[in-house]
Protein backbone atom coordinates (compact mmCIF):
# COMPACT_ATOMS: atom_id res chain seq x y z
CA MET A 1 -13.53 10.27 -16.43
CA ALA A 2 -13.49 6.69 -17.69
CA GLU A 3 -16.39 5.30 -19.65
CA ILE A 4 -17.37 1.66 -19.44
CA SER A 5 -18.70 0.19 -22.64
CA GLY A 6 -21.87 -1.86 -22.54
CA ARG A 7 -20.29 -4.51 -24.72
CA ILE A 8 -19.43 -7.75 -22.94
CA LEU A 9 -17.69 -10.54 -24.81
CA MET A 10 -18.00 -14.17 -23.77
CA GLU A 11 -15.38 -16.75 -24.58
CA GLU A 12 -15.55 -20.49 -24.22
CA SER A 13 -13.94 -20.23 -20.79
CA ASP A 14 -17.07 -18.45 -19.46
CA GLN A 15 -14.99 -15.44 -18.45
CA PHE A 16 -16.16 -11.95 -19.30
CA ASP A 17 -14.07 -9.54 -21.38
CA TYR A 18 -14.83 -5.83 -21.00
CA GLN A 19 -13.94 -2.88 -23.17
CA VAL A 20 -13.20 0.31 -21.27
CA GLU A 21 -12.38 3.75 -22.66
CA LEU A 22 -9.80 5.57 -20.57
CA LYS A 23 -8.00 8.90 -20.85
CA ILE A 24 -4.19 8.90 -20.66
CA ASP A 25 -4.36 10.30 -17.12
CA ASP A 26 -6.47 7.29 -16.12
CA ILE A 27 -3.84 4.94 -17.59
CA ARG A 28 -1.05 6.74 -15.73
CA LEU A 29 -2.95 6.51 -12.46
CA LEU A 30 -3.78 2.83 -12.91
CA ARG A 31 -0.16 2.07 -13.78
CA HIS A 32 0.96 3.80 -10.60
CA CYS A 33 -1.56 1.75 -8.59
CA VAL A 34 -0.31 -1.47 -10.16
CA GLU A 35 3.32 -0.50 -9.49
CA GLU A 36 2.51 0.16 -5.83
CA THR A 37 0.68 -3.15 -5.59
CA ILE A 38 3.74 -4.91 -6.99
CA ARG A 39 6.00 -3.04 -4.55
CA LEU A 40 3.81 -3.98 -1.58
CA TRP A 41 2.87 -7.46 -2.81
CA PRO A 42 3.03 -9.78 0.23
CA GLY A 43 4.18 -12.78 -1.77
CA SER A 44 3.09 -16.37 -1.83
CA PRO A 45 1.30 -18.02 -0.04
CA ALA A 46 -0.47 -14.85 1.18
CA ARG A 47 -1.41 -14.18 -2.45
CA PRO A 48 -1.35 -16.54 -5.44
CA ALA A 49 2.08 -16.63 -7.12
CA GLU A 50 0.59 -16.09 -10.60
CA GLU A 51 -0.91 -12.80 -9.39
CA GLN A 52 2.53 -11.17 -9.40
CA GLU A 53 3.09 -12.13 -13.03
CA HIS A 54 -0.37 -10.85 -13.91
CA LEU A 55 0.41 -7.53 -12.21
CA ARG A 56 3.69 -7.26 -14.13
CA HIS A 57 1.84 -7.92 -17.37
CA LEU A 58 -0.70 -5.19 -16.55
CA ARG A 59 2.09 -2.75 -15.63
CA ASP A 60 3.95 -3.42 -18.87
CA THR A 61 0.80 -3.16 -20.98
CA MET A 62 -0.07 0.21 -19.47
CA TYR A 63 3.50 1.39 -20.00
CA ARG A 64 3.21 0.48 -23.70
CA MET A 65 -0.02 2.52 -23.84
CA ILE A 66 1.78 5.52 -22.34
CA LEU A 67 4.68 5.15 -24.78
CA ASP A 68 2.24 4.86 -27.69
CA TYR A 69 0.47 8.02 -26.52
CA SER A 70 3.79 9.88 -26.18
CA PHE A 71 4.92 8.80 -29.63
CA ASP A 72 1.66 9.88 -31.29
CA LYS A 73 1.47 13.18 -29.42
């Protein structure tokens, strides 16, 4: 089960940054969810165009986490 840290970081942009502790199974599941969202993404103008790039970035970041886990295992 994922744990959400109580630490919230504020930057000058007034956006919140969160730190979350996840197990590798959580990362795999989230990556699958992001991949499905990319696959089913309705495109612009139904959704903002930059959202697709953000989703790709999330997918790739989670893939790097999985590779890192596999390498260290």
